[in-house]
Amino acid sequence: MNKILLTDLNLNIYGCLHYSRHCEILAPCCNKYYSCRFCHNNDNTHILNRFNIEKIKCLKCNNIQNKSQYCNNCNTCFGNYFCNICNIFDNFGLEKNIYHCNKCGICRIGIKEYFYHCDICGGCLPLKLKDNHKCIFNSMKQECAICLNDIFNCRNSSLILKCGHMFHSKCINLCLLYKKSKCPLCRQNIEF
């Protein structure tokens, strides 16, 4: 089982390696408790739809209840950051600067005031790119052409090149490390 609780490491922090929280979520797809959706997805061949989560279990008193920020039995705060839509509970959420974007429909990492939602690209971009980038329709909803993993839902940072194509930052850095200086999609020089 891939589930590691931070309390197992004697850190007095509850949760997993993905989130610090004082609750477990009930995965309605398999009726099992997990620390988070990533822990669930690592242990299963199917993906947990985070929007379907309704029940949680308090890690302090084991009370099973409807999702909320506080335990209705012992009043434990499950996470300083709580999103009732995305079902995120995170005690480091305020330090991570997580915010919910209504247009994206999900929570994003970053300071909300430094980002804007580009309706053409289909996601949140740094404010410095507003009116200063080439838009490609739904470019954020494509796979990274290098690693073939999702960009929109990924927790890793991504960037948009001058040509308008979007990739994970680490993927472009690997390209540059191996002296690949052309965009993998349009073959223009990699420029930011």
N, C-alpha and C. Protein backbone atom coordinates (compact mmCIF):
# COMPACT_ATOMS: atom_id res chain seq x y z
N MET A 1 0.85 -1.19 0.00
CA MET A 1 0.00 0.00 0.00
C MET A 1 0.89 1.24 0.00
N ASN A 2 0.55 2.23 -0.79
CA ASN A 2 1.37 3.42 -0.99
C ASN A 2 0.99 4.55 -0.03
N LYS A 3 0.18 4.26 0.94
CA LYS A 3 -0.34 5.29 1.85
C LYS A 3 0.64 5.51 2.99
N ILE A 4 1.23 6.69 3.06
CA ILE A 4 2.15 7.03 4.15
C ILE A 4 1.55 8.21 4.89
N LEU A 5 1.20 8.00 6.14
CA LEU A 5 0.71 9.10 6.95
C LEU A 5 1.91 9.81 7.56
N LEU A 6 1.88 11.12 7.54
CA LEU A 6 2.99 11.87 8.13
C LEU A 6 3.10 11.61 9.63
N THR A 7 2.00 11.22 10.26
CA THR A 7 2.08 10.90 11.69
C THR A 7 2.93 9.65 11.89
N ASP A 8 3.00 8.77 10.90
CA ASP A 8 3.84 7.58 10.99
C ASP A 8 5.32 7.96 11.06
N LEU A 9 5.66 9.14 10.60
CA LEU A 9 7.03 9.60 10.60
C LEU A 9 7.35 10.40 11.85
N ASN A 10 6.45 10.39 12.84
CA ASN A 10 6.61 11.10 14.11
C ASN A 10 6.82 12.60 13.93
N LEU A 11 6.12 13.19 12.98
CA LEU A 11 6.23 14.62 12.74
C LEU A 11 5.11 15.41 13.40
N ASN A 12 4.14 14.71 14.01
CA ASN A 12 2.96 15.35 14.59
C ASN A 12 2.19 16.18 13.55
N ILE A 13 2.31 15.80 12.33
CA ILE A 13 1.55 16.41 11.24
C ILE A 13 0.74 15.28 10.62
N TYR A 14 -0.52 15.53 10.42
CA TYR A 14 -1.37 14.51 9.84
C TYR A 14 -1.45 14.69 8.34
N GLY A 15 -1.75 13.61 7.65
CA GLY A 15 -1.94 13.68 6.21
C GLY A 15 -1.01 12.73 5.50
N CYS A 16 -0.58 13.12 4.33
CA CYS A 16 0.28 12.29 3.50
C CYS A 16 1.37 13.18 2.91
N LEU A 17 2.11 12.65 1.97
CA LEU A 17 3.17 13.43 1.35
C LEU A 17 2.63 14.50 0.41
N HIS A 18 1.33 14.43 0.08
CA HIS A 18 0.71 15.40 -0.82
C HIS A 18 0.07 16.56 -0.07
N TYR A 19 -0.58 16.27 1.05
CA TYR A 19 -1.31 17.29 1.81
C TYR A 19 -1.15 17.05 3.30
N SER A 20 -1.08 18.13 4.06
CA SER A 20 -1.14 18.05 5.52
C SER A 20 -2.59 18.31 5.92
N ARG A 21 -3.23 17.30 6.47
CA ARG A 21 -4.65 17.43 6.84
C ARG A 21 -4.99 16.50 7.98
N HIS A 22 -6.09 16.80 8.64
CA HIS A 22 -6.51 16.00 9.78
C HIS A 22 -7.73 15.14 9.46
N CYS A 23 -7.88 14.75 8.22
CA CYS A 23 -8.99 13.88 7.84
C CYS A 23 -8.57 12.98 6.70
N GLU A 24 -9.33 11.92 6.53
CA GLU A 24 -9.21 11.07 5.36
C GLU A 24 -10.50 11.19 4.57
N ILE A 25 -10.41 11.02 3.27
CA ILE A 25 -11.58 11.11 2.40
C ILE A 25 -12.08 9.71 2.09
N LEU A 26 -13.38 9.58 1.97
CA LEU A 26 -13.97 8.31 1.57
C LEU A 26 -14.12 8.34 0.05
N ALA A 27 -13.41 7.44 -0.62
CA ALA A 27 -13.51 7.36 -2.08
C ALA A 27 -14.80 6.63 -2.42
N PRO A 28 -15.77 7.33 -3.01
CA PRO A 28 -17.06 6.69 -3.28
C PRO A 28 -16.97 5.59 -4.35
N CYS A 29 -15.92 5.62 -5.15
CA CYS A 29 -15.76 4.63 -6.22
C CYS A 29 -15.39 3.25 -5.68
N CYS A 30 -14.69 3.19 -4.55
CA CYS A 30 -14.28 1.89 -4.00
C CYS A 30 -14.60 1.75 -2.51
N ASN A 31 -15.24 2.79 -1.94
CA ASN A 31 -15.70 2.77 -0.55
C ASN A 31 -14.56 2.52 0.44
N LYS A 32 -13.40 3.14 0.18
CA LYS A 32 -12.24 3.03 1.08
C LYS A 32 -11.76 4.44 1.43
N TYR A 33 -11.13 4.54 2.60
CA TYR A 33 -10.60 5.82 3.05
C TYR A 33 -9.15 5.98 2.59
N TYR A 34 -8.85 7.19 2.15
CA TYR A 34 -7.49 7.55 1.71
C TYR A 34 -7.15 8.93 2.25
N SER A 35 -5.87 9.20 2.36
CA SER A 35 -5.44 10.51 2.83
C SER A 35 -5.78 11.58 1.80
N CYS A 36 -5.66 11.25 0.51
CA CYS A 36 -6.01 12.21 -0.54
C CYS A 36 -6.27 11.47 -1.85
N ARG A 37 -6.70 12.20 -2.86
CA ARG A 37 -7.02 11.58 -4.15
C ARG A 37 -5.78 11.04 -4.84
N PHE A 38 -4.62 11.67 -4.61
CA PHE A 38 -3.39 11.17 -5.23
C PHE A 38 -2.99 9.83 -4.61
N CYS A 39 -3.15 9.70 -3.29
CA CYS A 39 -2.88 8.41 -2.63
C CYS A 39 -3.83 7.34 -3.18
N HIS A 40 -5.10 7.70 -3.35
CA HIS A 40 -6.06 6.77 -3.95
C HIS A 40 -5.62 6.36 -5.34
N ASN A 41 -5.28 7.31 -6.17
CA ASN A 41 -4.92 7.02 -7.56
C ASN A 41 -3.65 6.18 -7.66
N ASN A 42 -2.73 6.37 -6.72
CA ASN A 42 -1.50 5.56 -6.71
C ASN A 42 -1.78 4.11 -6.35
N ASP A 43 -2.84 3.86 -5.58
CA ASP A 43 -3.17 2.51 -5.12
C ASP A 43 -4.17 1.77 -6.01
N ASN A 44 -4.72 2.44 -7.00
CA ASN A 44 -5.79 1.85 -7.79
C ASN A 44 -5.51 2.00 -9.29
N THR A 45 -6.28 1.25 -10.07
CA THR A 45 -6.17 1.36 -11.52
C THR A 45 -7.18 2.36 -12.08
N HIS A 46 -8.00 2.92 -11.23
CA HIS A 46 -8.97 3.94 -11.66
C HIS A 46 -8.66 5.25 -10.96
N ILE A 47 -9.22 6.34 -11.49
CA ILE A 47 -8.99 7.69 -10.98
C ILE A 47 -10.19 8.13 -10.15
N LEU A 48 -9.89 8.70 -8.98
CA LEU A 48 -10.94 9.23 -8.11
C LEU A 48 -11.40 10.59 -8.62
N ASN A 49 -12.68 10.74 -8.82
CA ASN A 49 -13.25 12.03 -9.18
C ASN A 49 -13.41 12.83 -7.89
N ARG A 50 -12.53 13.81 -7.68
CA ARG A 50 -12.51 14.55 -6.42
C ARG A 50 -13.81 15.29 -6.14
N PHE A 51 -14.58 15.59 -7.17
CA PHE A 51 -15.83 16.33 -6.99
C PHE A 51 -16.94 15.46 -6.41
N ASN A 52 -16.75 14.13 -6.43
CA ASN A 52 -17.76 13.21 -5.91
C ASN A 52 -17.58 12.89 -4.43
N ILE A 53 -16.52 13.40 -3.82
CA ILE A 53 -16.26 13.10 -2.41
C ILE A 53 -17.32 13.78 -1.54
N GLU A 54 -17.96 13.01 -0.67
CA GLU A 54 -18.99 13.54 0.22
C GLU A 54 -18.67 13.27 1.68
N LYS A 55 -18.01 12.16 1.99
CA LYS A 55 -17.76 11.75 3.37
C LYS A 55 -16.27 11.81 3.69
N ILE A 56 -15.99 12.18 4.95
CA ILE A 56 -14.62 12.20 5.45
C ILE A 56 -14.59 11.60 6.85
N LYS A 57 -13.38 11.25 7.29
CA LYS A 57 -13.20 10.71 8.64
C LYS A 57 -12.14 11.52 9.37
N CYS A 58 -12.47 11.99 10.55
CA CYS A 58 -11.55 12.76 11.37
C CYS A 58 -10.43 11.83 11.85
N LEU A 59 -9.18 12.27 11.70
CA LEU A 59 -8.04 11.47 12.14
C LEU A 59 -7.79 11.59 13.64
N LYS A 60 -8.44 12.54 14.30
CA LYS A 60 -8.28 12.70 15.75
C LYS A 60 -9.27 11.82 16.51
N CYS A 61 -10.55 11.84 16.10
CA CYS A 61 -11.56 11.10 16.85
C CYS A 61 -12.25 10.00 16.04
N ASN A 62 -11.84 9.82 14.77
CA ASN A 62 -12.41 8.80 13.87
C ASN A 62 -13.88 9.01 13.55
N ASN A 63 -14.39 10.21 13.76
CA ASN A 63 -15.79 10.51 13.44
C ASN A 63 -15.96 10.58 11.93
N ILE A 64 -16.93 9.85 11.41
CA ILE A 64 -17.28 9.87 9.99
C ILE A 64 -18.40 10.87 9.81
N GLN A 65 -18.25 11.76 8.83
CA GLN A 65 -19.20 12.86 8.66
C GLN A 65 -19.19 13.36 7.21
N ASN A 66 -20.13 14.25 6.93
CA ASN A 66 -20.12 14.94 5.64
C ASN A 66 -18.92 15.87 5.60
N LYS A 67 -18.42 16.15 4.42
CA LYS A 67 -17.23 17.01 4.28
C LYS A 67 -17.51 18.41 4.86
N SER A 68 -16.54 18.92 5.55
CA SER A 68 -16.60 20.26 6.13
C SER A 68 -15.18 20.62 6.56
N GLN A 69 -14.97 21.84 6.98
CA GLN A 69 -13.63 22.25 7.39
C GLN A 69 -13.32 21.81 8.83
N TYR A 70 -14.35 21.65 9.66
CA TYR A 70 -14.16 21.29 11.06
C TYR A 70 -14.93 20.02 11.39
N CYS A 71 -14.36 19.23 12.30
CA CYS A 71 -15.03 18.01 12.76
C CYS A 71 -16.26 18.39 13.56
N ASN A 72 -17.38 17.76 13.26
CA ASN A 72 -18.61 18.08 13.99
C ASN A 72 -18.67 17.36 15.34
N ASN A 73 -17.62 16.60 15.67
CA ASN A 73 -17.56 15.92 16.96
C ASN A 73 -16.53 16.56 17.89
N CYS A 74 -15.27 16.72 17.42
CA CYS A 74 -14.22 17.25 18.29
C CYS A 74 -13.73 18.64 17.88
N ASN A 75 -14.32 19.21 16.83
CA ASN A 75 -14.03 20.56 16.34
C ASN A 75 -12.60 20.73 15.78
N THR A 76 -11.94 19.62 15.45
CA THR A 76 -10.62 19.69 14.83
C THR A 76 -10.74 20.34 13.46
N CYS A 77 -9.82 21.24 13.17
CA CYS A 77 -9.77 21.84 11.83
C CYS A 77 -9.06 20.86 10.91
N PHE A 78 -9.74 20.44 9.85
CA PHE A 78 -9.15 19.47 8.93
C PHE A 78 -8.08 20.09 8.05
N GLY A 79 -8.20 21.37 7.76
CA GLY A 79 -7.20 22.08 6.97
C GLY A 79 -7.46 23.57 7.01
N ASN A 80 -6.40 24.35 7.18
CA ASN A 80 -6.56 25.81 7.18
C ASN A 80 -7.11 26.29 5.85
N TYR A 81 -6.73 25.59 4.77
CA TYR A 81 -7.34 25.87 3.47
C TYR A 81 -8.34 24.76 3.21
N PHE A 82 -9.56 25.15 2.88
CA PHE A 82 -10.61 24.18 2.58
C PHE A 82 -11.40 24.68 1.38
N CYS A 83 -11.54 23.82 0.39
CA CYS A 83 -12.39 24.13 -0.76
C CYS A 83 -13.49 23.09 -0.83
N ASN A 84 -14.70 23.53 -0.65
CA ASN A 84 -15.87 22.65 -0.66
C ASN A 84 -16.18 22.13 -2.06
N ILE A 85 -15.65 22.77 -3.09
CA ILE A 85 -15.89 22.34 -4.47
C ILE A 85 -14.88 21.25 -4.86
N CYS A 86 -13.59 21.53 -4.66
CA CYS A 86 -12.52 20.61 -5.05
C CYS A 86 -12.23 19.57 -3.98
N ASN A 87 -12.81 19.76 -2.80
CA ASN A 87 -12.59 18.85 -1.68
C ASN A 87 -11.12 18.78 -1.30
N ILE A 88 -10.52 19.95 -1.15
CA ILE A 88 -9.13 20.05 -0.70
C ILE A 88 -9.13 20.53 0.74
N PHE A 89 -8.39 19.83 1.57
CA PHE A 89 -8.15 20.20 2.96
C PHE A 89 -6.63 20.25 3.08
N ASP A 90 -6.05 21.37 3.46
CA ASP A 90 -4.60 21.45 3.54
C ASP A 90 -4.17 22.46 4.60
N ASN A 91 -3.38 22.00 5.56
CA ASN A 91 -2.87 22.90 6.59
C ASN A 91 -1.76 23.79 6.08
N PHE A 92 -1.12 23.41 4.98
CA PHE A 92 -0.09 24.26 4.38
C PHE A 92 -0.67 25.10 3.25
N GLY A 93 -1.97 25.06 3.07
CA GLY A 93 -2.62 25.76 1.96
C GLY A 93 -2.41 27.25 1.97
N LEU A 94 -2.38 27.84 3.16
CA LEU A 94 -2.19 29.29 3.23
C LEU A 94 -0.76 29.65 2.85
N GLU A 95 0.21 28.80 3.23
CA GLU A 95 1.59 29.06 2.85
C GLU A 95 1.82 28.78 1.36
N LYS A 96 1.09 27.81 0.81
CA LYS A 96 1.19 27.49 -0.62
C LYS A 96 0.45 28.52 -1.47
N ASN A 97 -0.39 29.32 -0.82
CA ASN A 97 -1.22 30.29 -1.54
C ASN A 97 -2.12 29.60 -2.57
N ILE A 98 -2.97 28.72 -2.09
CA ILE A 98 -3.92 28.04 -2.96
C ILE A 98 -5.15 28.93 -3.12
N TYR A 99 -5.71 28.96 -4.31
CA TYR A 99 -6.95 29.69 -4.55
C TYR A 99 -7.82 28.89 -5.50
N HIS A 100 -9.12 29.12 -5.44
CA HIS A 100 -10.04 28.44 -6.35
C HIS A 100 -10.37 29.38 -7.51
N CYS A 101 -10.21 28.89 -8.73
CA CYS A 101 -10.60 29.65 -9.92
C CYS A 101 -11.93 29.10 -10.41
N ASN A 102 -12.95 29.94 -10.39
CA ASN A 102 -14.28 29.49 -10.83
C ASN A 102 -14.29 29.13 -12.31
N LYS A 103 -13.52 29.83 -13.13
CA LYS A 103 -13.51 29.52 -14.56
C LYS A 103 -12.78 28.21 -14.85
N CYS A 104 -11.67 27.95 -14.15
CA CYS A 104 -10.98 26.67 -14.30
C CYS A 104 -11.82 25.55 -13.68
N GLY A 105 -12.53 25.89 -12.60
CA GLY A 105 -13.33 24.90 -11.90
C GLY A 105 -12.53 24.10 -10.88
N ILE A 106 -11.26 24.49 -10.65
CA ILE A 106 -10.41 23.79 -9.71
C ILE A 106 -9.56 24.79 -8.92
N CYS A 107 -8.91 24.28 -7.89
CA CYS A 107 -7.99 25.11 -7.11
C CYS A 107 -6.63 25.15 -7.79
N ARG A 108 -5.98 26.29 -7.67
CA ARG A 108 -4.67 26.53 -8.27
C ARG A 108 -3.68 26.91 -7.18
N ILE A 109 -2.40 26.61 -7.39
CA ILE A 109 -1.35 27.02 -6.47
C ILE A 109 -0.79 28.35 -6.95
N GLY A 110 -0.74 29.31 -6.06
CA GLY A 110 -0.22 30.63 -6.39
C GLY A 110 -1.02 31.71 -5.67
N ILE A 111 -0.55 32.92 -5.75
CA ILE A 111 -1.26 34.06 -5.17
C ILE A 111 -2.27 34.54 -6.20
N LYS A 112 -3.53 34.48 -5.85
CA LYS A 112 -4.62 34.77 -6.78
C LYS A 112 -4.44 36.08 -7.53
N GLU A 113 -3.96 37.11 -6.83
CA GLU A 113 -3.81 38.43 -7.44
C GLU A 113 -2.72 38.47 -8.51
N TYR A 114 -1.87 37.45 -8.58
CA TYR A 114 -0.79 37.40 -9.56
C TYR A 114 -1.15 36.59 -10.80
N PHE A 115 -2.41 36.11 -10.85
CA PHE A 115 -2.86 35.27 -11.97
C PHE A 115 -4.16 35.80 -12.54
N TYR A 116 -4.42 35.45 -13.77
CA TYR A 116 -5.70 35.74 -14.41
C TYR A 116 -6.08 34.52 -15.24
N HIS A 117 -7.35 34.39 -15.52
CA HIS A 117 -7.83 33.27 -16.32
C HIS A 117 -7.91 33.70 -17.78
N CYS A 118 -7.15 33.03 -18.64
CA CYS A 118 -7.21 33.29 -20.08
C CYS A 118 -8.28 32.38 -20.67
N ASP A 119 -9.35 32.98 -21.16
CA ASP A 119 -10.47 32.20 -21.70
C ASP A 119 -10.09 31.44 -22.96
N ILE A 120 -9.15 31.95 -23.73
CA ILE A 120 -8.74 31.26 -24.96
C ILE A 120 -7.83 30.08 -24.64
N CYS A 121 -6.80 30.31 -23.83
CA CYS A 121 -5.88 29.23 -23.46
C CYS A 121 -6.54 28.19 -22.55
N GLY A 122 -7.57 28.62 -21.82
CA GLY A 122 -8.35 27.69 -21.01
C GLY A 122 -7.82 27.46 -19.61
N GLY A 123 -7.11 28.43 -19.04
CA GLY A 123 -6.62 28.26 -17.68
C GLY A 123 -5.99 29.52 -17.14
N CYS A 124 -5.49 29.41 -15.91
CA CYS A 124 -4.87 30.56 -15.24
C CYS A 124 -3.41 30.70 -15.66
N LEU A 125 -3.05 31.93 -15.95
CA LEU A 125 -1.68 32.27 -16.35
C LEU A 125 -1.18 33.42 -15.49
N PRO A 126 0.14 33.56 -15.38
CA PRO A 126 0.68 34.71 -14.62
C PRO A 126 0.19 36.03 -15.22
N LEU A 127 -0.12 36.96 -14.35
CA LEU A 127 -0.65 38.27 -14.76
C LEU A 127 0.27 38.98 -15.75
N LYS A 128 1.59 38.75 -15.63
CA LYS A 128 2.54 39.41 -16.54
C LYS A 128 2.35 38.96 -18.00
N LEU A 129 1.62 37.85 -18.23
CA LEU A 129 1.38 37.39 -19.59
C LEU A 129 0.09 37.95 -20.20
N LYS A 130 -0.70 38.66 -19.39
CA LYS A 130 -1.96 39.20 -19.90
C LYS A 130 -1.65 40.17 -21.04
N ASP A 131 -2.27 39.95 -22.19
CA ASP A 131 -2.05 40.72 -23.41
C ASP A 131 -0.59 40.66 -23.87
N ASN A 132 0.14 39.64 -23.40
CA ASN A 132 1.55 39.55 -23.73
C ASN A 132 1.97 38.10 -24.03
N HIS A 133 1.05 37.33 -24.61
CA HIS A 133 1.38 35.97 -25.03
C HIS A 133 0.52 35.58 -26.22
N LYS A 134 0.98 34.60 -26.95
CA LYS A 134 0.23 34.09 -28.09
C LYS A 134 -0.74 33.03 -27.56
N CYS A 135 -2.03 33.27 -27.74
CA CYS A 135 -3.05 32.33 -27.28
C CYS A 135 -3.23 31.21 -28.30
N ILE A 136 -3.35 30.02 -27.79
CA ILE A 136 -3.73 28.85 -28.58
C ILE A 136 -4.93 28.24 -27.87
N PHE A 137 -6.01 28.04 -28.58
CA PHE A 137 -7.25 27.58 -27.99
C PHE A 137 -7.03 26.31 -27.16
N ASN A 138 -7.43 26.39 -25.88
CA ASN A 138 -7.35 25.29 -24.91
C ASN A 138 -5.95 24.69 -24.77
N SER A 139 -4.91 25.50 -24.92
CA SER A 139 -3.55 24.98 -24.81
C SER A 139 -3.27 24.40 -23.42
N MET A 140 -3.93 24.93 -22.39
CA MET A 140 -3.73 24.37 -21.05
C MET A 140 -4.41 23.04 -20.86
N LYS A 141 -5.33 22.71 -21.72
CA LYS A 141 -6.06 21.46 -21.57
C LYS A 141 -5.48 20.34 -22.43
N GLN A 142 -4.30 20.59 -22.97
CA GLN A 142 -3.60 19.58 -23.76
C GLN A 142 -2.61 18.84 -22.87
N GLU A 143 -2.10 17.74 -23.37
CA GLU A 143 -1.01 17.05 -22.69
C GLU A 143 0.29 17.77 -22.98
N CYS A 144 1.22 17.67 -22.08
CA CYS A 144 2.58 18.16 -22.34
C CYS A 144 3.14 17.26 -23.44
N ALA A 145 3.59 17.84 -24.54
CA ALA A 145 4.08 17.07 -25.69
C ALA A 145 5.39 16.35 -25.38
N ILE A 146 6.00 16.65 -24.25
CA ILE A 146 7.26 16.00 -23.90
C ILE A 146 7.02 14.76 -23.04
N CYS A 147 6.28 14.92 -21.94
CA CYS A 147 6.05 13.78 -21.03
C CYS A 147 4.69 13.11 -21.25
N LEU A 148 3.84 13.74 -22.03
CA LEU A 148 2.49 13.25 -22.34
C LEU A 148 1.56 13.19 -21.13
N ASN A 149 1.88 13.95 -20.08
CA ASN A 149 1.01 14.05 -18.92
C ASN A 149 0.19 15.33 -18.99
N ASP A 150 -0.91 15.33 -18.27
CA ASP A 150 -1.85 16.43 -18.24
C ASP A 150 -1.20 17.72 -17.73
N ILE A 151 -1.52 18.83 -18.32
CA ILE A 151 -1.02 20.13 -17.87
C ILE A 151 -2.04 20.79 -16.95
N PHE A 152 -3.30 20.77 -17.32
CA PHE A 152 -4.35 21.50 -16.61
C PHE A 152 -4.47 21.09 -15.15
N ASN A 153 -4.48 19.80 -14.87
CA ASN A 153 -4.69 19.30 -13.52
C ASN A 153 -3.40 19.00 -12.76
N CYS A 154 -2.29 19.24 -13.38
CA CYS A 154 -0.99 18.90 -12.79
C CYS A 154 -0.63 19.85 -11.66
N ARG A 155 -0.02 19.31 -10.62
CA ARG A 155 0.43 20.15 -9.50
C ARG A 155 1.79 20.78 -9.79
N ASN A 156 2.47 20.31 -10.83
CA ASN A 156 3.77 20.88 -11.20
C ASN A 156 3.57 22.13 -12.05
N SER A 157 4.53 23.02 -11.98
CA SER A 157 4.41 24.28 -12.72
C SER A 157 4.54 24.04 -14.22
N SER A 158 3.90 24.90 -14.97
CA SER A 158 3.99 24.85 -16.42
C SER A 158 4.34 26.23 -16.93
N LEU A 159 4.74 26.29 -18.17
CA LEU A 159 5.04 27.60 -18.75
C LEU A 159 4.61 27.62 -20.20
N ILE A 160 4.40 28.83 -20.67
CA ILE A 160 3.98 29.04 -22.04
C ILE A 160 5.14 29.70 -22.80
N LEU A 161 5.46 29.13 -23.95
CA LEU A 161 6.54 29.67 -24.76
C LEU A 161 6.02 30.83 -25.62
N LYS A 162 6.93 31.58 -26.20
CA LYS A 162 6.53 32.70 -27.09
C LYS A 162 5.67 32.21 -28.25
N CYS A 163 5.91 30.97 -28.69
CA CYS A 163 5.12 30.41 -29.80
C CYS A 163 3.70 30.08 -29.38
N GLY A 164 3.42 30.08 -28.05
CA GLY A 164 2.07 29.81 -27.55
C GLY A 164 1.87 28.41 -27.03
N HIS A 165 2.82 27.52 -27.25
CA HIS A 165 2.68 26.14 -26.76
C HIS A 165 3.07 26.06 -25.29
N MET A 166 2.37 25.18 -24.58
CA MET A 166 2.55 25.06 -23.14
C MET A 166 3.14 23.70 -22.80
N PHE A 167 4.05 23.71 -21.82
CA PHE A 167 4.73 22.49 -21.36
C PHE A 167 4.94 22.59 -19.86
N HIS A 168 5.26 21.46 -19.24
CA HIS A 168 5.70 21.49 -17.85
C HIS A 168 7.07 22.16 -17.82
N SER A 169 7.30 22.97 -16.81
CA SER A 169 8.58 23.68 -16.69
C SER A 169 9.75 22.71 -16.65
N LYS A 170 9.61 21.62 -15.89
CA LYS A 170 10.71 20.66 -15.78
C LYS A 170 11.00 19.97 -17.12
N CYS A 171 9.98 19.79 -17.94
CA CYS A 171 10.18 19.15 -19.24
C CYS A 171 10.97 20.05 -20.18
N ILE A 172 10.62 21.34 -20.21
CA ILE A 172 11.37 22.29 -21.05
C ILE A 172 12.79 22.43 -20.53
N ASN A 173 12.96 22.45 -19.22
CA ASN A 173 14.31 22.54 -18.66
C ASN A 173 15.17 21.34 -19.06
N LEU A 174 14.54 20.15 -19.11
CA LEU A 174 15.28 18.97 -19.57
C LEU A 174 15.68 19.10 -21.04
N CYS A 175 14.77 19.64 -21.85
CA CYS A 175 15.10 19.87 -23.27
C CYS A 175 16.31 20.78 -23.38
N LEU A 176 16.29 21.86 -22.65
CA LEU A 176 17.40 22.82 -22.71
C LEU A 176 18.69 22.20 -22.17
N LEU A 177 18.57 21.37 -21.14
CA LEU A 177 19.73 20.70 -20.58
C LEU A 177 20.40 19.81 -21.62
N TYR A 178 19.59 19.16 -22.45
CA TYR A 178 20.11 18.28 -23.50
C TYR A 178 20.27 18.98 -24.84
N LYS A 179 20.37 20.31 -24.78
CA LYS A 179 20.67 21.14 -25.95
C LYS A 179 19.61 21.06 -27.04
N LYS A 180 18.37 20.79 -26.64
CA LYS A 180 17.23 20.81 -27.57
C LYS A 180 16.61 22.18 -27.45
N SER A 181 16.86 23.05 -28.40
CA SER A 181 16.44 24.45 -28.26
C SER A 181 15.23 24.81 -29.12
N LYS A 182 14.54 23.82 -29.66
CA LYS A 182 13.35 24.06 -30.49
C LYS A 182 12.11 23.55 -29.77
N CYS A 183 11.01 24.25 -29.97
CA CYS A 183 9.72 23.80 -29.44
C CYS A 183 9.40 22.44 -30.04
N PRO A 184 9.07 21.45 -29.22
CA PRO A 184 8.76 20.11 -29.74
C PRO A 184 7.56 20.06 -30.68
N LEU A 185 6.72 21.09 -30.66
CA LEU A 185 5.52 21.08 -31.50
C LEU A 185 5.67 21.86 -32.81
N CYS A 186 6.26 23.05 -32.74
CA CYS A 186 6.31 23.88 -33.95
C CYS A 186 7.73 24.13 -34.45
N ARG A 187 8.73 23.65 -33.69
CA ARG A 187 10.14 23.74 -34.07
C ARG A 187 10.70 25.17 -34.05
N GLN A 188 9.95 26.13 -33.50
CA GLN A 188 10.52 27.47 -33.31
C GLN A 188 11.47 27.42 -32.13
N ASN A 189 12.38 28.38 -32.08
CA ASN A 189 13.32 28.46 -30.96
C ASN A 189 12.55 28.59 -29.66
N ILE A 190 13.03 27.91 -28.62
CA ILE A 190 12.42 28.01 -27.31
C ILE A 190 12.73 29.38 -26.74
N GLU A 191 11.68 30.17 -26.57
CA GLU A 191 11.78 31.50 -25.97
C GLU A 191 10.64 31.66 -24.98
N PHE A 192 10.93 32.38 -23.90
CA PHE A 192 9.91 32.59 -22.86
C PHE A 192 9.38 34.00 -22.92
